[in-house]
Amino acid sequence: LDAIEAAEPDALGVNGVAAALGVDQPRASKLVAAAVTAGLVRREAD
């Protein structure tokens, strides 16, 4: 959530989250999936 907010108004994808958090893409993907499952984030087509 912090990474997405910090990027605003620019859009952020999983790779952007990975870069912001300093983690690899698979780890970022798991974190994003947890945020989506929690109902805090949704995915949208660019």
All heavy atoms as atom14 arrays in JSON, in Angstrom:
{
  "sequence": "LDAIEAAEPDALGVNGVAAALGVDQPRASKLVAAAVTAGLVRREAD",
  "atom14_mask": [
    [1, 1, 1, 1, 1, 1, 1, 1, 0, 0, 0, 0, 0, 0],
    [1, 1, 1, 1, 1, 1, 1, 1, 0, 0, 0, 0, 0, 0],
    [1, 1, 1, 1, 1, 0, 0, 0, 0, 0, 0, 0, 0, 0],
    [1, 1, 1, 1, 1, 1, 1, 1, 0, 0, 0, 0, 0, 0],
    [1, 1, 1, 1, 1, 1, 1, 1, 1, 0, 0, 0, 0, 0],
    [1, 1, 1, 1, 1, 0, 0, 0, 0, 0, 0, 0, 0, 0],
    [1, 1, 1, 1, 1, 0, 0, 0, 0, 0, 0, 0, 0, 0],
    [1, 1, 1, 1, 1, 1, 1, 1, 1, 0, 0, 0, 0, 0],
    [1, 1, 1, 1, 1, 1, 1, 0, 0, 0, 0, 0, 0, 0],
    [1, 1, 1, 1, 1, 1, 1, 1, 0, 0, 0, 0, 0, 0],
    [1, 1, 1, 1, 1, 0, 0, 0, 0, 0, 0, 0, 0, 0],
    [1, 1, 1, 1, 1, 1, 1, 1, 0, 0, 0, 0, 0, 0],
    [1, 1, 1, 1, 0, 0, 0, 0, 0, 0, 0, 0, 0, 0],
    [1, 1, 1, 1, 1, 1, 1, 0, 0, 0, 0, 0, 0, 0],
    [1, 1, 1, 1, 1, 1, 1, 1, 0, 0, 0, 0, 0, 0],
    [1, 1, 1, 1, 0, 0, 0, 0, 0, 0, 0, 0, 0, 0],
    [1, 1, 1, 1, 1, 1, 1, 0, 0, 0, 0, 0, 0, 0],
    [1, 1, 1, 1, 1, 0, 0, 0, 0, 0, 0, 0, 0, 0],
    [1, 1, 1, 1, 1, 0, 0, 0, 0, 0, 0, 0, 0, 0],
    [1, 1, 1, 1, 1, 0, 0, 0, 0, 0, 0, 0, 0, 0],
    [1, 1, 1, 1, 1, 1, 1, 1, 0, 0, 0, 0, 0, 0],
    [1, 1, 1, 1, 0, 0, 0, 0, 0, 0, 0, 0, 0, 0],
    [1, 1, 1, 1, 1, 1, 1, 0, 0, 0, 0, 0, 0, 0],
    [1, 1, 1, 1, 1, 1, 1, 1, 0, 0, 0, 0, 0, 0],
    [1, 1, 1, 1, 1, 1, 1, 1, 1, 0, 0, 0, 0, 0],
    [1, 1, 1, 1, 1, 1, 1, 0, 0, 0, 0, 0, 0, 0],
    [1, 1, 1, 1, 1, 1, 1, 1, 1, 1, 1, 0, 0, 0],
    [1, 1, 1, 1, 1, 0, 0, 0, 0, 0, 0, 0, 0, 0],
    [1, 1, 1, 1, 1, 1, 0, 0, 0, 0, 0, 0, 0, 0],
    [1, 1, 1, 1, 1, 1, 1, 1, 1, 0, 0, 0, 0, 0],
    [1, 1, 1, 1, 1, 1, 1, 1, 0, 0, 0, 0, 0, 0],
    [1, 1, 1, 1, 1, 1, 1, 0, 0, 0, 0, 0, 0, 0],
    [1, 1, 1, 1, 1, 0, 0, 0, 0, 0, 0, 0, 0, 0],
    [1, 1, 1, 1, 1, 0, 0, 0, 0, 0, 0, 0, 0, 0],
    [1, 1, 1, 1, 1, 0, 0, 0, 0, 0, 0, 0, 0, 0],
    [1, 1, 1, 1, 1, 1, 1, 0, 0, 0, 0, 0, 0, 0],
    [1, 1, 1, 1, 1, 1, 1, 0, 0, 0, 0, 0, 0, 0],
    [1, 1, 1, 1, 1, 0, 0, 0, 0, 0, 0, 0, 0, 0],
    [1, 1, 1, 1, 0, 0, 0, 0, 0, 0, 0, 0, 0, 0],
    [1, 1, 1, 1, 1, 1, 1, 1, 0, 0, 0, 0, 0, 0],
    [1, 1, 1, 1, 1, 1, 1, 0, 0, 0, 0, 0, 0, 0],
    [1, 1, 1, 1, 1, 1, 1, 1, 1, 1, 1, 0, 0, 0],
    [1, 1, 1, 1, 1, 1, 1, 1, 1, 1, 1, 0, 0, 0],
    [1, 1, 1, 1, 1, 1, 1, 1, 1, 0, 0, 0, 0, 0],
    [1, 1, 1, 1, 1, 0, 0, 0, 0, 0, 0, 0, 0, 0],
    [1, 1, 1, 1, 1, 1, 1, 1, 0, 0, 0, 0, 0, 0]
  ],
  "atom14_positions": [
    [[0.83, -1.21, 0.0], [0.0, 0.0, 0.0], [0.86, 1.26, 0.0], [0.59, 2.21, -0.74], [-0.94, 0.01, 1.21], [-1.93, -1.15, 1.35], [-2.79, -0.97, 2.58], [-2.76, -1.32, 0.11], [0.0, 0.0, 0.0], [0.0, 0.0, 0.0], [0.0, 0.0, 0.0], [0.0, 0.0, 0.0], [0.0, 0.0, 0.0], [0.0, 0.0, 0.0]],
    [[1.91, 1.26, 0.83], [2.81, 2.41, 0.89], [3.48, 2.65, -0.46], [3.61, 3.8, -0.9], [3.89, 2.21, 1.96], [3.36, 2.33, 3.39], [2.31, 2.95, 3.6], [4.03, 1.79, 4.3], [0.0, 0.0, 0.0], [0.0, 0.0, 0.0], [0.0, 0.0, 0.0], [0.0, 0.0, 0.0], [0.0, 0.0, 0.0], [0.0, 0.0, 0.0]],
    [[3.89, 1.58, -1.14], [4.55, 1.71, -2.44], [3.61, 2.28, -3.49], [3.98, 3.17, -4.27], [5.11, 0.36, -2.91], [0.0, 0.0, 0.0], [0.0, 0.0, 0.0], [0.0, 0.0, 0.0], [0.0, 0.0, 0.0], [0.0, 0.0, 0.0], [0.0, 0.0, 0.0], [0.0, 0.0, 0.0], [0.0, 0.0, 0.0], [0.0, 0.0, 0.0]],
    [[2.37, 1.79, -3.51], [1.39, 2.29, -4.48], [1.11, 3.76, -4.21], [1.08, 4.57, -5.14], [0.1, 1.45, -4.43], [0.38, 0.03, -4.92], [-1.01, 2.1, -5.26], [-0.76, -0.95, -4.67], [0.0, 0.0, 0.0], [0.0, 0.0, 0.0], [0.0, 0.0, 0.0], [0.0, 0.0, 0.0], [0.0, 0.0, 0.0], [0.0, 0.0, 0.0]],
    [[0.93, 4.11, -2.96], [0.65, 5.5, -2.61], [1.82, 6.41, -2.97], [1.63, 7.51, -3.5], [0.34, 5.63, -1.12], [0.0, 7.06, -0.72], [-0.21, 7.22, 0.77], [0.6, 6.66, 1.56], [-1.18, 7.89, 1.13], [0.0, 0.0, 0.0], [0.0, 0.0, 0.0], [0.0, 0.0, 0.0], [0.0, 0.0, 0.0], [0.0, 0.0, 0.0]],
    [[3.05, 5.95, -2.71], [4.23, 6.77, -3.0], [4.39, 7.03, -4.49], [4.93, 8.07, -4.89], [5.49, 6.09, -2.46], [0.0, 0.0, 0.0], [0.0, 0.0, 0.0], [0.0, 0.0, 0.0], [0.0, 0.0, 0.0], [0.0, 0.0, 0.0], [0.0, 0.0, 0.0], [0.0, 0.0, 0.0], [0.0, 0.0, 0.0], [0.0, 0.0, 0.0]],
    [[3.91, 6.11, -5.33], [4.04, 6.27, -6.78], [2.99, 7.22, -7.35], [3.16, 7.72, -8.47], [3.92, 4.91, -7.47], [0.0, 0.0, 0.0], [0.0, 0.0, 0.0], [0.0, 0.0, 0.0], [0.0, 0.0, 0.0], [0.0, 0.0, 0.0], [0.0, 0.0, 0.0], [0.0, 0.0, 0.0], [0.0, 0.0, 0.0], [0.0, 0.0, 0.0]],
    [[1.91, 7.45, -6.62], [0.83, 8.3, -7.14], [1.35, 9.67, -7.51], [2.21, 10.2, -6.83], [-0.3, 8.42, -6.09], [-1.06, 7.13, -5.9], [-2.11, 7.21, -4.79], [-2.03, 8.1, -3.92], [-3.0, 6.37, -4.8], [0.0, 0.0, 0.0], [0.0, 0.0, 0.0], [0.0, 0.0, 0.0], [0.0, 0.0, 0.0], [0.0, 0.0, 0.0]],
    [[0.89, 10.23, -8.62], [-0.24, 9.82, -9.44], [0.12, 8.8, -10.52], [-0.74, 8.39, -11.29], [-0.71, 11.12, -10.07], [0.55, 11.89, -10.26], [1.41, 11.54, -9.07], [0.0, 0.0, 0.0], [0.0, 0.0, 0.0], [0.0, 0.0, 0.0], [0.0, 0.0, 0.0], [0.0, 0.0, 0.0], [0.0, 0.0, 0.0], [0.0, 0.0, 0.0]],
    [[1.38, 8.37, -10.58], [1.76, 7.38, -11.58], [1.22, 6.01, -11.19], [1.1, 5.69, -10.01], [3.28, 7.32, -11.72], [3.86, 8.63, -12.25], [3.18, 9.3, -13.05], [4.98, 8.97, -11.85], [0.0, 0.0, 0.0], [0.0, 0.0, 0.0], [0.0, 0.0, 0.0], [0.0, 0.0, 0.0], [0.0, 0.0, 0.0], [0.0, 0.0, 0.0]],
    [[0.95, 5.21, -12.2], [0.47, 3.84, -11.98], [1.66, 2.95, -11.64], [2.79, 3.19, -12.07], [-0.24, 3.33, -13.22], [0.0, 0.0, 0.0], [0.0, 0.0, 0.0], [0.0, 0.0, 0.0], [0.0, 0.0, 0.0], [0.0, 0.0, 0.0], [0.0, 0.0, 0.0], [0.0, 0.0, 0.0], [0.0, 0.0, 0.0], [0.0, 0.0, 0.0]],
    [[1.38, 1.93, -10.87], [2.42, 1.0, -10.45], [1.92, -0.42, -10.69], [0.76, -0.73, -10.43], [2.7, 1.2, -8.95], [3.99, 0.67, -8.37], [5.18, 1.4, -8.99], [4.01, 0.85, -6.87], [0.0, 0.0, 0.0], [0.0, 0.0, 0.0], [0.0, 0.0, 0.0], [0.0, 0.0, 0.0], [0.0, 0.0, 0.0], [0.0, 0.0, 0.0]],
    [[2.8, -1.26, -11.21], [2.49, -2.68, -11.39], [3.34, -3.49, -10.44], [4.04, -2.95, -9.58], [0.0, 0.0, 0.0], [0.0, 0.0, 0.0], [0.0, 0.0, 0.0], [0.0, 0.0, 0.0], [0.0, 0.0, 0.0], [0.0, 0.0, 0.0], [0.0, 0.0, 0.0], [0.0, 0.0, 0.0], [0.0, 0.0, 0.0], [0.0, 0.0, 0.0]],
    [[3.31, -4.79, -10.6], [4.06, -5.68, -9.71], [5.55, -5.38, -9.79], [6.23, -5.35, -8.76], [3.76, -7.17, -10.04], [4.69, -8.08, -9.26], [2.32, -7.5, -9.74], [0.0, 0.0, 0.0], [0.0, 0.0, 0.0], [0.0, 0.0, 0.0], [0.0, 0.0, 0.0], [0.0, 0.0, 0.0], [0.0, 0.0, 0.0], [0.0, 0.0, 0.0]],
    [[6.07, -5.14, -11.0], [7.5, -4.84, -11.12], [7.85, -3.54, -10.4], [8.93, -3.44, -9.79], [7.92, -4.76, -12.59], [7.92, -6.12, -13.25], [8.06, -7.14, -12.59], [7.74, -6.14, -14.56], [0.0, 0.0, 0.0], [0.0, 0.0, 0.0], [0.0, 0.0, 0.0], [0.0, 0.0, 0.0], [0.0, 0.0, 0.0], [0.0, 0.0, 0.0]],
    [[6.98, -2.58, -10.42], [7.19, -1.34, -9.68], [7.2, -1.56, -8.18], [7.99, -0.96, -7.46], [0.0, 0.0, 0.0], [0.0, 0.0, 0.0], [0.0, 0.0, 0.0], [0.0, 0.0, 0.0], [0.0, 0.0, 0.0], [0.0, 0.0, 0.0], [0.0, 0.0, 0.0], [0.0, 0.0, 0.0], [0.0, 0.0, 0.0], [0.0, 0.0, 0.0]],
    [[6.32, -2.42, -7.72], [6.3, -2.77, -6.3], [7.61, -3.47, -5.93], [8.21, -3.16, -4.9], [5.08, -3.66, -5.95], [5.2, -4.26, -4.55], [3.79, -2.87, -6.08], [0.0, 0.0, 0.0], [0.0, 0.0, 0.0], [0.0, 0.0, 0.0], [0.0, 0.0, 0.0], [0.0, 0.0, 0.0], [0.0, 0.0, 0.0], [0.0, 0.0, 0.0]],
    [[8.07, -4.38, -6.79], [9.33, -5.08, -6.53], [10.47, -4.08, -6.39], [11.27, -4.17, -5.45], [9.64, -6.07, -7.66], [0.0, 0.0, 0.0], [0.0, 0.0, 0.0], [0.0, 0.0, 0.0], [0.0, 0.0, 0.0], [0.0, 0.0, 0.0], [0.0, 0.0, 0.0], [0.0, 0.0, 0.0], [0.0, 0.0, 0.0], [0.0, 0.0, 0.0]],
    [[10.54, -3.12, -7.31], [11.61, -2.11, -7.26], [11.49, -1.25, -6.0], [12.48, -0.96, -5.33], [11.57, -1.26, -8.51], [0.0, 0.0, 0.0], [0.0, 0.0, 0.0], [0.0, 0.0, 0.0], [0.0, 0.0, 0.0], [0.0, 0.0, 0.0], [0.0, 0.0, 0.0], [0.0, 0.0, 0.0], [0.0, 0.0, 0.0], [0.0, 0.0, 0.0]],
    [[10.26, -0.84, -5.68], [10.05, 0.03, -4.52], [10.41, -0.66, -3.21], [10.93, -0.03, -2.28], [8.6, 0.51, -4.48], [0.0, 0.0, 0.0], [0.0, 0.0, 0.0], [0.0, 0.0, 0.0], [0.0, 0.0, 0.0], [0.0, 0.0, 0.0], [0.0, 0.0, 0.0], [0.0, 0.0, 0.0], [0.0, 0.0, 0.0], [0.0, 0.0, 0.0]],
    [[10.14, -1.96, -3.14], [10.39, -2.7, -1.9], [11.75, -3.37, -1.86], [12.15, -3.91, -0.83], [9.3, -3.75, -1.67], [7.86, -3.25, -1.59], [6.91, -4.39, -1.28], [7.73, -2.14, -0.55], [0.0, 0.0, 0.0], [0.0, 0.0, 0.0], [0.0, 0.0, 0.0], [0.0, 0.0, 0.0], [0.0, 0.0, 0.0], [0.0, 0.0, 0.0]],
    [[12.45, -3.36, -3.0], [13.75, -4.0, -3.04], [13.67, -5.51, -2.93], [14.51, -6.13, -2.28], [0.0, 0.0, 0.0], [0.0, 0.0, 0.0], [0.0, 0.0, 0.0], [0.0, 0.0, 0.0], [0.0, 0.0, 0.0], [0.0, 0.0, 0.0], [0.0, 0.0, 0.0], [0.0, 0.0, 0.0], [0.0, 0.0, 0.0], [0.0, 0.0, 0.0]],
    [[12.63, -6.08, -3.54], [12.47, -7.53, -3.54], [12.4, -8.03, -4.98], [12.22, -7.23, -5.91], [11.2, -7.97, -2.77], [11.28, -7.54, -1.31], [9.93, -7.42, -3.41], [0.0, 0.0, 0.0], [0.0, 0.0, 0.0], [0.0, 0.0, 0.0], [0.0, 0.0, 0.0], [0.0, 0.0, 0.0], [0.0, 0.0, 0.0], [0.0, 0.0, 0.0]],
    [[12.52, -9.33, -5.16], [12.41, -9.86, -6.52], [10.94, -9.92, -6.95], [10.03, -9.78, -6.12], [13.1, -11.22, -6.65], [12.53, -12.3, -5.75], [11.38, -12.17, -5.3], [13.24, -13.29, -5.51], [0.0, 0.0, 0.0], [0.0, 0.0, 0.0], [0.0, 0.0, 0.0], [0.0, 0.0, 0.0], [0.0, 0.0, 0.0], [0.0, 0.0, 0.0]],
    [[10.73, -10.12, -8.25], [9.39, -10.1, -8.8], [8.48, -11.18, -8.21], [7.32, -10.88, -7.88], [9.46, -10.19, -10.34], [8.17, -9.84, -11.05], [7.21, -11.03, -11.13], [7.6, -12.19, -11.01], [5.94, -10.72, -11.33], [0.0, 0.0, 0.0], [0.0, 0.0, 0.0], [0.0, 0.0, 0.0], [0.0, 0.0, 0.0], [0.0, 0.0, 0.0]],
    [[8.95, -12.42, -8.01], [8.06, -13.41, -7.4], [7.59, -13.03, -5.99], [6.43, -13.23, -5.64], [8.92, -14.69, -7.37], [9.9, -14.51, -8.48], [10.21, -13.03, -8.49], [0.0, 0.0, 0.0], [0.0, 0.0, 0.0], [0.0, 0.0, 0.0], [0.0, 0.0, 0.0], [0.0, 0.0, 0.0], [0.0, 0.0, 0.0], [0.0, 0.0, 0.0]],
    [[8.5, -12.46, -5.21], [8.11, -12.02, -3.85], [7.1, -10.88, -3.94], [6.1, -10.87, -3.22], [9.35, -11.58, -3.06], [9.06, -11.0, -1.71], [8.63, -12.05, -0.71], [8.43, -11.44, 0.59], [7.44, -11.77, 1.4], [6.61, -12.72, 1.09], [7.3, -11.16, 2.55], [0.0, 0.0, 0.0], [0.0, 0.0, 0.0], [0.0, 0.0, 0.0]],
    [[7.34, -9.92, -4.83], [6.4, -8.81, -4.99], [5.04, -9.33, -5.44], [4.0, -8.86, -4.97], [6.95, -7.79, -5.99], [0.0, 0.0, 0.0], [0.0, 0.0, 0.0], [0.0, 0.0, 0.0], [0.0, 0.0, 0.0], [0.0, 0.0, 0.0], [0.0, 0.0, 0.0], [0.0, 0.0, 0.0], [0.0, 0.0, 0.0], [0.0, 0.0, 0.0]],
    [[5.04, -10.3, -6.33], [3.79, -10.88, -6.81], [3.0, -11.5, -5.67], [1.77, -11.33, -5.59], [4.09, -11.92, -7.89], [2.9, -12.39, -8.46], [0.0, 0.0, 0.0], [0.0, 0.0, 0.0], [0.0, 0.0, 0.0], [0.0, 0.0, 0.0], [0.0, 0.0, 0.0], [0.0, 0.0, 0.0], [0.0, 0.0, 0.0], [0.0, 0.0, 0.0]],
    [[3.67, -12.18, -4.76], [3.01, -12.78, -3.59], [2.45, -11.7, -2.67], [1.33, -11.83, -2.15], [3.98, -13.68, -2.83], [4.29, -14.97, -3.54], [5.28, -15.8, -2.75], [5.68, -17.04, -3.56], [6.69, -17.83, -2.88], [0.0, 0.0, 0.0], [0.0, 0.0, 0.0], [0.0, 0.0, 0.0], [0.0, 0.0, 0.0], [0.0, 0.0, 0.0]],
    [[3.22, -10.65, -2.46], [2.76, -9.55, -1.61], [1.54, -8.86, -2.21], [0.58, -8.55, -1.51], [3.89, -8.55, -1.37], [5.1, -9.05, -0.59], [6.19, -8.0, -0.55], [4.69, -9.47, 0.82], [0.0, 0.0, 0.0], [0.0, 0.0, 0.0], [0.0, 0.0, 0.0], [0.0, 0.0, 0.0], [0.0, 0.0, 0.0], [0.0, 0.0, 0.0]],
    [[1.6, -8.62, -3.52], [0.47, -7.99, -4.2], [-0.75, -8.9, -4.14], [-1.87, -8.44, -3.88], [0.83, -7.64, -5.67], [-0.41, -7.28, -6.47], [1.84, -6.49, -5.69], [0.0, 0.0, 0.0], [0.0, 0.0, 0.0], [0.0, 0.0, 0.0], [0.0, 0.0, 0.0], [0.0, 0.0, 0.0], [0.0, 0.0, 0.0], [0.0, 0.0, 0.0]],
    [[-0.56, -10.2, -4.34], [-1.68, -11.15, -4.27], [-2.33, -11.1, -2.88], [-3.56, -11.15, -2.77], [-1.2, -12.56, -4.59], [0.0, 0.0, 0.0], [0.0, 0.0, 0.0], [0.0, 0.0, 0.0], [0.0, 0.0, 0.0], [0.0, 0.0, 0.0], [0.0, 0.0, 0.0], [0.0, 0.0, 0.0], [0.0, 0.0, 0.0], [0.0, 0.0, 0.0]],
    [[-1.51, -10.98, -1.84], [-2.05, -10.89, -0.48], [-2.86, -9.6, -0.31], [-3.92, -9.61, 0.32], [-0.92, -10.94, 0.55], [0.0, 0.0, 0.0], [0.0, 0.0, 0.0], [0.0, 0.0, 0.0], [0.0, 0.0, 0.0], [0.0, 0.0, 0.0], [0.0, 0.0, 0.0], [0.0, 0.0, 0.0], [0.0, 0.0, 0.0], [0.0, 0.0, 0.0]],
    [[-2.39, -8.51, -0.89], [-3.12, -7.24, -0.81], [-4.44, -7.32, -1.58], [-5.46, -6.78, -1.14], [-2.25, -6.1, -1.34], [0.0, 0.0, 0.0], [0.0, 0.0, 0.0], [0.0, 0.0, 0.0], [0.0, 0.0, 0.0], [0.0, 0.0, 0.0], [0.0, 0.0, 0.0], [0.0, 0.0, 0.0], [0.0, 0.0, 0.0], [0.0, 0.0, 0.0]],
    [[-4.41, -8.0, -2.72], [-5.63, -8.18, -3.51], [-6.61, -9.06, -2.74], [-7.8, -8.74, -2.62], [-5.31, -8.78, -4.9], [-6.59, -9.21, -5.62], [-4.53, -7.78, -5.75], [0.0, 0.0, 0.0], [0.0, 0.0, 0.0], [0.0, 0.0, 0.0], [0.0, 0.0, 0.0], [0.0, 0.0, 0.0], [0.0, 0.0, 0.0], [0.0, 0.0, 0.0]],
    [[-6.12, -10.17, -2.18], [-6.97, -11.08, -1.41], [-7.59, -10.36, -0.21], [-8.75, -10.61, 0.14], [-6.15, -12.31, -0.94], [-5.69, -12.99, -2.1], [-6.99, -13.24, -0.08], [0.0, 0.0, 0.0], [0.0, 0.0, 0.0], [0.0, 0.0, 0.0], [0.0, 0.0, 0.0], [0.0, 0.0, 0.0], [0.0, 0.0, 0.0], [0.0, 0.0, 0.0]],
    [[-6.83, -9.46, 0.41], [-7.32, -8.7, 1.56], [-8.33, -7.63, 1.15], [-8.94, -6.98, 2.01], [-6.15, -8.06, 2.31], [0.0, 0.0, 0.0], [0.0, 0.0, 0.0], [0.0, 0.0, 0.0], [0.0, 0.0, 0.0], [0.0, 0.0, 0.0], [0.0, 0.0, 0.0], [0.0, 0.0, 0.0], [0.0, 0.0, 0.0], [0.0, 0.0, 0.0]],
    [[-8.49, -7.42, -0.16], [-9.45, -6.42, -0.64], [-8.94, -4.99, -0.57], [-9.71, -4.04, -0.64], [0.0, 0.0, 0.0], [0.0, 0.0, 0.0], [0.0, 0.0, 0.0], [0.0, 0.0, 0.0], [0.0, 0.0, 0.0], [0.0, 0.0, 0.0], [0.0, 0.0, 0.0], [0.0, 0.0, 0.0], [0.0, 0.0, 0.0], [0.0, 0.0, 0.0]],
    [[-7.62, -4.83, -0.44], [-7.03, -3.51, -0.3], [-6.52, -2.95, -1.63], [-6.32, -1.74, -1.76], [-5.89, -3.55, 0.72], [-6.31, -4.07, 2.11], [-5.09, -4.23, 2.99], [-7.33, -3.15, 2.75], [0.0, 0.0, 0.0], [0.0, 0.0, 0.0], [0.0, 0.0, 0.0], [0.0, 0.0, 0.0], [0.0, 0.0, 0.0], [0.0, 0.0, 0.0]],
    [[-6.32, -3.83, -2.6], [-5.79, -3.45, -3.91], [-6.56, -4.24, -4.96], [-6.98, -5.37, -4.72], [-4.28, -3.8, -4.0], [-3.73, -3.6, -5.4], [-3.48, -2.98, -2.99], [0.0, 0.0, 0.0], [0.0, 0.0, 0.0], [0.0, 0.0, 0.0], [0.0, 0.0, 0.0], [0.0, 0.0, 0.0], [0.0, 0.0, 0.0], [0.0, 0.0, 0.0]],
    [[-6.73, -3.64, -6.12], [-7.3, -4.37, -7.25], [-6.4, -4.17, -8.45], [-5.69, -3.17, -8.55], [-8.74, -3.97, -7.54], [-8.91, -2.61, -8.17], [-10.38, -2.35, -8.52], [-10.51, -1.02, -9.08], [-10.61, 0.09, -8.38], [-10.64, 0.04, -7.06], [-10.7, 1.27, -8.97], [0.0, 0.0, 0.0], [0.0, 0.0, 0.0], [0.0, 0.0, 0.0]],
    [[-6.45, -5.14, -9.34], [-5.68, -5.07, -10.58], [-6.57, -4.49, -11.66], [-7.74, -4.84, -11.74], [-5.21, -6.46, -10.99], [-4.28, -7.12, -9.99], [-4.0, -8.56, -10.42], [-3.43, -9.35, -9.35], [-2.13, -9.56, -9.19], [-1.27, -9.04, -10.02], [-1.7, -10.29, -8.19], [0.0, 0.0, 0.0], [0.0, 0.0, 0.0], [0.0, 0.0, 0.0]],
    [[-5.99, -3.62, -12.5], [-6.72, -3.04, -13.62], [-5.84, -3.1, -14.85], [-4.61, -2.98, -14.75], [-7.09, -1.57, -13.36], [-8.15, -1.37, -12.33], [-8.58, 0.09, -12.21], [-7.96, 0.96, -12.85], [-9.53, 0.34, -11.45], [0.0, 0.0, 0.0], [0.0, 0.0, 0.0], [0.0, 0.0, 0.0], [0.0, 0.0, 0.0], [0.0, 0.0, 0.0]],
    [[-6.47, -3.25, -16.01], [-5.72, -3.2, -17.27], [-5.21, -1.79, -17.48], [-5.93, -0.81, -17.27], [-6.61, -3.62, -18.43], [0.0, 0.0, 0.0], [0.0, 0.0, 0.0], [0.0, 0.0, 0.0], [0.0, 0.0, 0.0], [0.0, 0.0, 0.0], [0.0, 0.0, 0.0], [0.0, 0.0, 0.0], [0.0, 0.0, 0.0], [0.0, 0.0, 0.0]],
    [[-3.97, -1.68, -17.89], [-3.36, -0.38, -18.21], [-4.04, 0.15, -19.47], [-4.12, -0.54, -20.48], [-1.86, -0.56, -18.43], [-1.13, 0.75, -18.62], [-1.65, 1.65, -19.32], [-0.03, 0.88, -18.07], [0.0, 0.0, 0.0], [0.0, 0.0, 0.0], [0.0, 0.0, 0.0], [0.0, 0.0, 0.0], [0.0, 0.0, 0.0], [0.0, 0.0, 0.0]]
  ]
}
